[in-house]
Amino acid sequence: MPTKQNTGNAGEYYLASRLSAENFVVTITLGRNEKYDLLVVNPSGKSFKISVKSRIETNVKRFPLNKKDDLGGTIDLFYAFVRLNRFEVEPDFWIVPSSRVSEVISDSHKRYLKKPKKDGGVHKDTKLRNFWVALTKTSRGLFPDTWEEEIKRYSKDNGVSLLK
């Protein structure tokens, strides 16, 4: 199993190669910036930043984020969630505007805190936030009712078009 750092690097390089193949200009920051991993210029000349979150496993349904990620997004920042699928099959990815990521994880965390635990107790606040690319029995009710349809808009089939 690759280290966390190598998994992150693999996701960044994978996404950079995909964007480059679609005529984007991409620079990888190599961990030198806390907020983003890629500086990108699209074929139309518009520049923006991407924060890449990568998981090596197959069928991963959630990506852990931090409390700082729900503090609000900016118009030129996107998140890319990359599921590498152990490179047994083509990786999956979702490119989501940071404002939407912020809104969704903030709302889902508030719902989580209001939802009682299995034993009836109260959930304690933590810095962990989860971004779900596929809902599960556990995550249902924590996201907007239309989340499963909405996340398809951001998938690799459509996600790159958001950046053009």
N, C-alpha and C. Protein backbone atom coordinates (compact mmCIF):
# COMPACT_ATOMS: atom_id res chain seq x y z
N MET A 1 0.85 -1.18 0.00
CA MET A 1 0.00 0.00 0.00
C MET A 1 0.89 1.24 0.00
N PRO A 2 0.67 2.16 -0.95
CA PRO A 2 1.49 3.38 -0.98
C PRO A 2 1.24 4.25 0.26
N THR A 3 2.23 5.06 0.57
CA THR A 3 2.07 5.99 1.69
C THR A 3 1.02 7.04 1.34
N LYS A 4 0.54 7.74 2.34
CA LYS A 4 -0.45 8.80 2.13
C LYS A 4 0.11 9.86 1.17
N GLN A 5 1.38 10.22 1.35
CA GLN A 5 2.01 11.22 0.48
C GLN A 5 2.05 10.73 -0.97
N ASN A 6 2.44 9.47 -1.17
CA ASN A 6 2.51 8.94 -2.54
C ASN A 6 1.13 8.79 -3.17
N THR A 7 0.13 8.45 -2.37
CA THR A 7 -1.23 8.39 -2.90
C THR A 7 -1.68 9.77 -3.35
N GLY A 8 -1.37 10.78 -2.54
CA GLY A 8 -1.71 12.16 -2.91
C GLY A 8 -1.00 12.58 -4.18
N ASN A 9 0.29 12.26 -4.27
CA ASN A 9 1.06 12.59 -5.48
C ASN A 9 0.48 11.89 -6.70
N ALA A 10 0.12 10.62 -6.56
CA ALA A 10 -0.43 9.86 -7.69
C ALA A 10 -1.72 10.51 -8.20
N GLY A 11 -2.58 10.95 -7.27
CA GLY A 11 -3.81 11.62 -7.67
C GLY A 11 -3.55 12.93 -8.39
N GLU A 12 -2.58 13.69 -7.89
CA GLU A 12 -2.25 14.97 -8.51
C GLU A 12 -1.70 14.76 -9.92
N TYR A 13 -0.76 13.82 -10.06
CA TYR A 13 -0.18 13.55 -11.38
C TYR A 13 -1.21 12.97 -12.34
N TYR A 14 -2.08 12.11 -11.84
CA TYR A 14 -3.12 11.54 -12.70
C TYR A 14 -4.01 12.66 -13.25
N LEU A 15 -4.51 13.52 -12.35
CA LEU A 15 -5.40 14.58 -12.80
C LEU A 15 -4.67 15.56 -13.72
N ALA A 16 -3.42 15.86 -13.40
CA ALA A 16 -2.64 16.76 -14.26
C ALA A 16 -2.50 16.16 -15.67
N SER A 17 -2.30 14.86 -15.75
CA SER A 17 -2.17 14.24 -17.07
C SER A 17 -3.49 14.28 -17.83
N ARG A 18 -4.59 14.04 -17.14
CA ARG A 18 -5.90 14.09 -17.80
C ARG A 18 -6.22 15.48 -18.32
N LEU A 19 -5.95 16.49 -17.50
CA LEU A 19 -6.21 17.86 -17.93
C LEU A 19 -5.26 18.27 -19.07
N SER A 20 -4.00 17.87 -18.97
CA SER A 20 -3.05 18.18 -20.04
C SER A 20 -3.49 17.57 -21.36
N ALA A 21 -4.02 16.36 -21.31
CA ALA A 21 -4.49 15.68 -22.53
C ALA A 21 -5.68 16.41 -23.16
N GLU A 22 -6.35 17.27 -22.36
CA GLU A 22 -7.48 18.05 -22.88
C GLU A 22 -7.08 19.50 -23.14
N ASN A 23 -5.77 19.71 -23.29
CA ASN A 23 -5.21 21.00 -23.68
C ASN A 23 -5.22 22.07 -22.58
N PHE A 24 -5.24 21.65 -21.33
CA PHE A 24 -5.07 22.57 -20.21
C PHE A 24 -3.57 22.68 -19.94
N VAL A 25 -3.14 23.81 -19.41
CA VAL A 25 -1.77 23.97 -18.93
C VAL A 25 -1.82 23.77 -17.42
N VAL A 26 -1.01 22.83 -16.92
CA VAL A 26 -1.10 22.45 -15.51
C VAL A 26 0.28 22.50 -14.86
N THR A 27 0.35 23.11 -13.69
CA THR A 27 1.55 23.11 -12.87
C THR A 27 1.22 22.47 -11.53
N ILE A 28 2.03 21.52 -11.11
CA ILE A 28 1.83 20.84 -9.82
C ILE A 28 2.68 21.57 -8.78
N THR A 29 2.08 21.91 -7.65
CA THR A 29 2.79 22.68 -6.63
C THR A 29 3.66 21.80 -5.72
N LEU A 30 3.50 20.48 -5.79
CA LEU A 30 4.31 19.53 -5.01
C LEU A 30 4.35 19.84 -3.52
N GLY A 31 3.19 20.05 -2.94
CA GLY A 31 3.08 20.23 -1.50
C GLY A 31 3.57 21.56 -0.99
N ARG A 32 3.82 22.48 -1.87
CA ARG A 32 4.36 23.77 -1.45
C ARG A 32 3.26 24.78 -1.12
N ASN A 33 2.02 24.37 -1.27
CA ASN A 33 0.92 25.27 -0.97
C ASN A 33 -0.14 24.52 -0.17
N GLU A 34 -0.60 25.12 0.89
CA GLU A 34 -1.55 24.45 1.77
C GLU A 34 -2.95 24.32 1.18
N LYS A 35 -3.39 25.28 0.39
CA LYS A 35 -4.77 25.31 -0.09
C LYS A 35 -5.00 24.57 -1.40
N TYR A 36 -4.00 24.50 -2.27
CA TYR A 36 -4.24 23.87 -3.58
C TYR A 36 -3.00 23.12 -4.04
N ASP A 37 -3.21 22.21 -4.99
CA ASP A 37 -2.16 21.34 -5.49
C ASP A 37 -1.81 21.60 -6.95
N LEU A 38 -2.78 22.10 -7.71
CA LEU A 38 -2.56 22.35 -9.13
C LEU A 38 -2.92 23.79 -9.47
N LEU A 39 -2.08 24.41 -10.28
CA LEU A 39 -2.40 25.69 -10.91
C LEU A 39 -2.72 25.36 -12.36
N VAL A 40 -3.87 25.84 -12.84
CA VAL A 40 -4.36 25.40 -14.14
C VAL A 40 -4.80 26.60 -14.97
N VAL A 41 -4.51 26.51 -16.28
CA VAL A 41 -5.04 27.46 -17.25
C VAL A 41 -5.81 26.64 -18.27
N ASN A 42 -7.09 26.95 -18.44
CA ASN A 42 -7.91 26.18 -19.37
C ASN A 42 -7.64 26.63 -20.81
N PRO A 43 -8.16 25.89 -21.80
CA PRO A 43 -7.91 26.24 -23.20
C PRO A 43 -8.37 27.65 -23.59
N SER A 44 -9.30 28.23 -22.82
CA SER A 44 -9.78 29.59 -23.10
C SER A 44 -8.92 30.66 -22.44
N GLY A 45 -7.92 30.25 -21.63
CA GLY A 45 -7.03 31.20 -20.97
C GLY A 45 -7.41 31.56 -19.55
N LYS A 46 -8.47 30.96 -19.01
CA LYS A 46 -8.89 31.24 -17.64
C LYS A 46 -8.04 30.41 -16.67
N SER A 47 -7.57 31.04 -15.61
CA SER A 47 -6.75 30.32 -14.63
C SER A 47 -7.54 30.05 -13.35
N PHE A 48 -7.18 28.97 -12.69
CA PHE A 48 -7.80 28.59 -11.43
C PHE A 48 -6.91 27.61 -10.70
N LYS A 49 -7.32 27.24 -9.49
CA LYS A 49 -6.55 26.33 -8.63
C LYS A 49 -7.40 25.10 -8.33
N ILE A 50 -6.72 23.97 -8.11
CA ILE A 50 -7.42 22.74 -7.74
C ILE A 50 -6.74 22.12 -6.53
N SER A 51 -7.53 21.80 -5.52
CA SER A 51 -7.07 21.02 -4.37
C SER A 51 -7.46 19.58 -4.64
N VAL A 52 -6.48 18.68 -4.71
CA VAL A 52 -6.72 17.28 -5.06
C VAL A 52 -6.75 16.43 -3.79
N LYS A 53 -7.80 15.64 -3.65
CA LYS A 53 -7.94 14.68 -2.56
C LYS A 53 -7.98 13.29 -3.18
N SER A 54 -7.05 12.43 -2.80
CA SER A 54 -6.92 11.12 -3.45
C SER A 54 -7.07 9.98 -2.47
N ARG A 55 -7.68 8.91 -2.95
CA ARG A 55 -7.78 7.65 -2.21
C ARG A 55 -7.34 6.54 -3.16
N ILE A 56 -6.59 5.58 -2.68
CA ILE A 56 -6.06 4.50 -3.53
C ILE A 56 -7.07 3.37 -3.72
N GLU A 57 -7.95 3.16 -2.73
CA GLU A 57 -8.84 2.01 -2.73
C GLU A 57 -9.88 2.06 -3.85
N THR A 58 -10.46 0.90 -4.13
CA THR A 58 -11.59 0.83 -5.06
C THR A 58 -12.88 1.02 -4.27
N ASN A 59 -13.88 1.49 -4.92
CA ASN A 59 -15.22 1.67 -4.33
C ASN A 59 -15.26 2.58 -3.11
N VAL A 60 -14.31 3.48 -2.96
CA VAL A 60 -14.35 4.47 -1.89
C VAL A 60 -15.55 5.37 -2.14
N LYS A 61 -16.31 5.63 -1.09
CA LYS A 61 -17.51 6.45 -1.23
C LYS A 61 -17.37 7.82 -0.56
N ARG A 62 -16.35 7.99 0.27
CA ARG A 62 -16.19 9.27 0.97
C ARG A 62 -14.73 9.71 0.97
N PHE A 63 -14.58 11.02 1.06
CA PHE A 63 -13.25 11.62 1.15
C PHE A 63 -13.25 12.50 2.40
N PRO A 64 -12.33 12.25 3.32
CA PRO A 64 -12.27 13.08 4.52
C PRO A 64 -11.70 14.46 4.23
N LEU A 65 -12.32 15.46 4.80
CA LEU A 65 -11.86 16.83 4.71
C LEU A 65 -11.73 17.38 6.12
N ASN A 66 -11.43 18.65 6.23
CA ASN A 66 -11.20 19.29 7.51
C ASN A 66 -12.20 20.43 7.70
N LYS A 67 -12.38 20.82 8.94
CA LYS A 67 -13.28 21.93 9.27
C LYS A 67 -12.97 23.18 8.46
N LYS A 68 -11.69 23.42 8.17
CA LYS A 68 -11.31 24.62 7.40
C LYS A 68 -11.90 24.59 5.98
N ASP A 69 -12.23 23.38 5.48
CA ASP A 69 -12.79 23.27 4.14
C ASP A 69 -14.25 23.70 4.07
N ASP A 70 -14.92 23.85 5.22
CA ASP A 70 -16.32 24.29 5.18
C ASP A 70 -16.48 25.78 5.50
N LEU A 71 -15.38 26.51 5.46
CA LEU A 71 -15.43 27.93 5.80
C LEU A 71 -15.76 28.84 4.62
N GLY A 72 -16.02 28.27 3.47
CA GLY A 72 -16.37 29.07 2.31
C GLY A 72 -15.37 28.87 1.19
N GLY A 73 -15.87 28.89 -0.02
CA GLY A 73 -15.02 28.68 -1.18
C GLY A 73 -14.80 29.97 -1.94
N THR A 74 -13.96 29.88 -2.95
CA THR A 74 -13.71 31.01 -3.83
C THR A 74 -14.01 30.61 -5.26
N ILE A 75 -14.27 31.57 -6.09
CA ILE A 75 -14.69 31.31 -7.46
C ILE A 75 -13.60 30.62 -8.30
N ASP A 76 -12.34 30.80 -7.92
CA ASP A 76 -11.25 30.23 -8.72
C ASP A 76 -10.62 28.98 -8.09
N LEU A 77 -11.29 28.40 -7.09
CA LEU A 77 -10.78 27.19 -6.44
C LEU A 77 -11.77 26.04 -6.63
N PHE A 78 -11.25 24.89 -7.04
CA PHE A 78 -12.04 23.68 -7.20
C PHE A 78 -11.39 22.57 -6.38
N TYR A 79 -12.19 21.58 -6.01
CA TYR A 79 -11.67 20.36 -5.40
C TYR A 79 -11.79 19.25 -6.43
N ALA A 80 -10.79 18.40 -6.49
CA ALA A 80 -10.86 17.20 -7.31
C ALA A 80 -10.72 16.01 -6.36
N PHE A 81 -11.72 15.16 -6.36
CA PHE A 81 -11.72 13.95 -5.55
C PHE A 81 -11.38 12.79 -6.49
N VAL A 82 -10.23 12.16 -6.26
CA VAL A 82 -9.73 11.14 -7.17
C VAL A 82 -9.71 9.78 -6.47
N ARG A 83 -10.45 8.84 -7.04
CA ARG A 83 -10.45 7.46 -6.55
C ARG A 83 -9.58 6.67 -7.52
N LEU A 84 -8.39 6.30 -7.08
CA LEU A 84 -7.40 5.69 -7.97
C LEU A 84 -7.70 4.23 -8.34
N ASN A 85 -8.58 3.58 -7.58
CA ASN A 85 -8.98 2.19 -7.87
C ASN A 85 -7.78 1.24 -7.98
N ARG A 86 -6.76 1.51 -7.17
CA ARG A 86 -5.53 0.71 -7.18
C ARG A 86 -4.93 0.57 -8.58
N PHE A 87 -5.35 1.40 -9.49
CA PHE A 87 -4.95 1.38 -10.89
C PHE A 87 -5.25 0.04 -11.57
N GLU A 88 -6.22 -0.69 -10.99
CA GLU A 88 -6.68 -1.93 -11.62
C GLU A 88 -7.63 -1.60 -12.77
N VAL A 89 -8.34 -0.50 -12.63
CA VAL A 89 -9.19 0.06 -13.69
C VAL A 89 -8.93 1.56 -13.71
N GLU A 90 -9.46 2.21 -14.73
CA GLU A 90 -9.29 3.66 -14.86
C GLU A 90 -9.76 4.38 -13.59
N PRO A 91 -8.97 5.29 -13.04
CA PRO A 91 -9.41 6.04 -11.86
C PRO A 91 -10.69 6.84 -12.14
N ASP A 92 -11.44 7.08 -11.09
CA ASP A 92 -12.62 7.92 -11.14
C ASP A 92 -12.26 9.26 -10.50
N PHE A 93 -12.91 10.32 -10.95
CA PHE A 93 -12.69 11.60 -10.28
C PHE A 93 -13.92 12.47 -10.42
N TRP A 94 -14.03 13.41 -9.48
CA TRP A 94 -15.10 14.39 -9.45
C TRP A 94 -14.45 15.74 -9.23
N ILE A 95 -14.81 16.73 -10.05
CA ILE A 95 -14.28 18.09 -9.91
C ILE A 95 -15.45 18.97 -9.48
N VAL A 96 -15.32 19.56 -8.28
CA VAL A 96 -16.43 20.28 -7.67
C VAL A 96 -15.97 21.68 -7.26
N PRO A 97 -16.76 22.71 -7.59
CA PRO A 97 -16.41 24.06 -7.14
C PRO A 97 -16.29 24.13 -5.62
N SER A 98 -15.29 24.86 -5.15
CA SER A 98 -15.06 24.92 -3.70
C SER A 98 -16.25 25.49 -2.94
N SER A 99 -16.99 26.40 -3.56
CA SER A 99 -18.16 26.96 -2.88
C SER A 99 -19.20 25.87 -2.62
N ARG A 100 -19.34 24.93 -3.56
CA ARG A 100 -20.31 23.83 -3.37
C ARG A 100 -19.80 22.83 -2.33
N VAL A 101 -18.51 22.55 -2.36
CA VAL A 101 -17.93 21.65 -1.35
C VAL A 101 -18.16 22.22 0.03
N SER A 102 -17.85 23.49 0.20
CA SER A 102 -18.02 24.17 1.48
C SER A 102 -19.47 24.09 1.96
N GLU A 103 -20.38 24.42 1.08
CA GLU A 103 -21.80 24.42 1.41
C GLU A 103 -22.28 23.01 1.81
N VAL A 104 -21.90 22.02 1.02
CA VAL A 104 -22.38 20.66 1.25
C VAL A 104 -21.81 20.08 2.55
N ILE A 105 -20.51 20.23 2.78
CA ILE A 105 -19.95 19.63 3.99
C ILE A 105 -20.36 20.38 5.25
N SER A 106 -20.56 21.68 5.14
CA SER A 106 -21.04 22.45 6.28
C SER A 106 -22.46 22.01 6.67
N ASP A 107 -23.32 21.91 5.66
CA ASP A 107 -24.70 21.49 5.90
C ASP A 107 -24.76 20.04 6.42
N SER A 108 -23.99 19.15 5.81
CA SER A 108 -24.04 17.75 6.24
C SER A 108 -23.50 17.59 7.66
N HIS A 109 -22.48 18.40 8.02
CA HIS A 109 -21.96 18.31 9.38
C HIS A 109 -22.98 18.80 10.41
N LYS A 110 -23.71 19.85 10.07
CA LYS A 110 -24.76 20.34 10.97
C LYS A 110 -25.84 19.27 11.16
N ARG A 111 -26.21 18.61 10.06
CA ARG A 111 -27.21 17.53 10.15
C ARG A 111 -26.68 16.38 11.00
N TYR A 112 -25.40 16.06 10.82
CA TYR A 112 -24.77 14.98 11.59
C TYR A 112 -24.82 15.29 13.09
N LEU A 113 -24.51 16.52 13.47
CA LEU A 113 -24.51 16.88 14.88
C LEU A 113 -25.91 16.83 15.49
N LYS A 114 -26.94 17.10 14.69
CA LYS A 114 -28.33 17.05 15.18
C LYS A 114 -28.87 15.63 15.27
N LYS A 115 -28.31 14.73 14.45
CA LYS A 115 -28.79 13.35 14.40
C LYS A 115 -28.28 12.59 15.63
N PRO A 116 -29.18 11.93 16.38
CA PRO A 116 -28.71 11.20 17.56
C PRO A 116 -27.86 9.97 17.18
N LYS A 117 -26.93 9.63 18.05
CA LYS A 117 -26.14 8.42 17.86
C LYS A 117 -27.04 7.19 18.03
N LYS A 118 -26.53 6.02 17.68
CA LYS A 118 -27.32 4.78 17.80
C LYS A 118 -27.79 4.55 19.23
N ASP A 119 -26.97 4.96 20.20
CA ASP A 119 -27.35 4.76 21.60
C ASP A 119 -28.19 5.91 22.15
N GLY A 120 -28.55 6.86 21.27
CA GLY A 120 -29.37 7.99 21.68
C GLY A 120 -28.58 9.19 22.14
N GLY A 121 -27.26 9.03 22.26
CA GLY A 121 -26.40 10.13 22.69
C GLY A 121 -26.23 11.19 21.62
N VAL A 122 -25.43 12.18 21.96
CA VAL A 122 -25.20 13.32 21.07
C VAL A 122 -23.82 13.19 20.43
N HIS A 123 -23.75 13.46 19.11
CA HIS A 123 -22.44 13.48 18.46
C HIS A 123 -21.65 14.68 18.93
N LYS A 124 -20.36 14.50 19.14
CA LYS A 124 -19.48 15.60 19.51
C LYS A 124 -18.89 16.22 18.25
N ASP A 125 -18.69 17.53 18.29
CA ASP A 125 -18.11 18.23 17.15
C ASP A 125 -16.63 17.85 17.02
N THR A 126 -16.19 17.64 15.81
CA THR A 126 -14.79 17.36 15.51
C THR A 126 -14.37 18.18 14.30
N LYS A 127 -13.10 18.13 13.97
CA LYS A 127 -12.61 18.84 12.78
C LYS A 127 -12.88 18.06 11.50
N LEU A 128 -13.21 16.78 11.61
CA LEU A 128 -13.45 15.94 10.43
C LEU A 128 -14.74 16.31 9.72
N ARG A 129 -14.66 16.41 8.41
CA ARG A 129 -15.82 16.57 7.54
C ARG A 129 -15.71 15.52 6.46
N ASN A 130 -16.82 14.96 6.03
CA ASN A 130 -16.81 13.94 4.99
C ASN A 130 -17.52 14.43 3.75
N PHE A 131 -16.88 14.24 2.61
CA PHE A 131 -17.48 14.54 1.32
C PHE A 131 -17.78 13.21 0.66
N TRP A 132 -19.05 12.92 0.43
CA TRP A 132 -19.47 11.62 -0.11
C TRP A 132 -19.72 11.73 -1.61
N VAL A 133 -19.07 10.85 -2.38
CA VAL A 133 -19.30 10.80 -3.82
C VAL A 133 -20.34 9.74 -4.16
N ALA A 134 -20.70 8.92 -3.19
CA ALA A 134 -21.79 7.96 -3.32
C ALA A 134 -22.39 7.80 -1.93
N LEU A 135 -23.69 7.91 -1.83
CA LEU A 135 -24.32 7.82 -0.53
C LEU A 135 -24.43 6.37 -0.07
N THR A 136 -24.38 6.20 1.22
CA THR A 136 -24.52 4.89 1.85
C THR A 136 -25.67 4.97 2.84
N LYS A 137 -25.98 3.84 3.43
CA LYS A 137 -27.02 3.81 4.46
C LYS A 137 -26.68 4.79 5.60
N THR A 138 -25.41 4.86 5.94
CA THR A 138 -24.94 5.74 7.01
C THR A 138 -25.02 7.21 6.64
N SER A 139 -24.71 7.54 5.39
CA SER A 139 -24.65 8.95 5.00
C SER A 139 -25.98 9.52 4.53
N ARG A 140 -26.96 8.67 4.25
CA ARG A 140 -28.27 9.17 3.80
C ARG A 140 -28.88 10.06 4.87
N GLY A 141 -29.51 11.10 4.42
CA GLY A 141 -30.10 12.06 5.36
C GLY A 141 -29.15 13.17 5.75
N LEU A 142 -27.86 12.98 5.47
CA LEU A 142 -26.88 14.01 5.80
C LEU A 142 -26.61 14.95 4.62
N PHE A 143 -27.14 14.60 3.46
CA PHE A 143 -26.90 15.38 2.25
C PHE A 143 -28.23 15.77 1.63
N PRO A 144 -28.21 16.74 0.73
CA PRO A 144 -29.46 17.13 0.06
C PRO A 144 -30.10 15.92 -0.62
N ASP A 145 -31.41 15.90 -0.71
CA ASP A 145 -32.13 14.78 -1.32
C ASP A 145 -31.68 14.51 -2.75
N THR A 146 -31.22 15.53 -3.42
CA THR A 146 -30.84 15.39 -4.83
C THR A 146 -29.33 15.14 -5.01
N TRP A 147 -28.63 14.82 -3.93
CA TRP A 147 -27.17 14.73 -4.00
C TRP A 147 -26.68 13.69 -5.00
N GLU A 148 -27.29 12.51 -5.04
CA GLU A 148 -26.83 11.47 -5.96
C GLU A 148 -26.90 11.92 -7.41
N GLU A 149 -27.92 12.67 -7.77
CA GLU A 149 -28.00 13.20 -9.13
C GLU A 149 -27.01 14.32 -9.35
N GLU A 150 -26.86 15.18 -8.35
CA GLU A 150 -25.96 16.32 -8.49
C GLU A 150 -24.51 15.87 -8.65
N ILE A 151 -24.07 14.88 -7.88
CA ILE A 151 -22.67 14.46 -7.93
C ILE A 151 -22.30 13.92 -9.30
N LYS A 152 -23.27 13.42 -10.05
CA LYS A 152 -23.00 12.93 -11.42
C LYS A 152 -22.54 14.07 -12.32
N ARG A 153 -23.01 15.28 -12.06
CA ARG A 153 -22.59 16.46 -12.85
C ARG A 153 -21.10 16.73 -12.72
N TYR A 154 -20.52 16.32 -11.61
CA TYR A 154 -19.12 16.61 -11.32
C TYR A 154 -18.19 15.45 -11.67
N SER A 155 -18.73 14.32 -12.11
CA SER A 155 -17.92 13.13 -12.36
C SER A 155 -17.01 13.31 -13.56
N LYS A 156 -16.08 12.35 -13.74
CA LYS A 156 -15.10 12.47 -14.83
C LYS A 156 -15.78 12.60 -16.19
N ASP A 157 -16.99 12.08 -16.31
CA ASP A 157 -17.70 12.20 -17.57
C ASP A 157 -18.11 13.65 -17.86
N ASN A 158 -18.32 14.44 -16.82
CA ASN A 158 -18.78 15.82 -16.98
C ASN A 158 -17.88 16.85 -16.30
N GLY A 159 -17.10 16.43 -15.32
CA GLY A 159 -16.36 17.35 -14.45
C GLY A 159 -15.42 18.29 -15.15
N VAL A 160 -14.69 17.78 -16.14
CA VAL A 160 -13.73 18.64 -16.82
C VAL A 160 -14.44 19.77 -17.56
N SER A 161 -15.64 19.51 -18.04
CA SER A 161 -16.38 20.55 -18.76
C SER A 161 -16.70 21.75 -17.87
N LEU A 162 -16.76 21.55 -16.53
CA LEU A 162 -16.98 22.67 -15.61
C LEU A 162 -15.82 23.65 -15.65
N LEU A 163 -14.65 23.16 -16.06
CA LEU A 163 -13.45 23.98 -16.04
C LEU A 163 -13.20 24.72 -17.34
N LYS A 164 -13.98 24.41 -18.37
CA LYS A 164 -13.74 25.02 -19.69
C LYS A 164 -14.42 26.34 -19.85
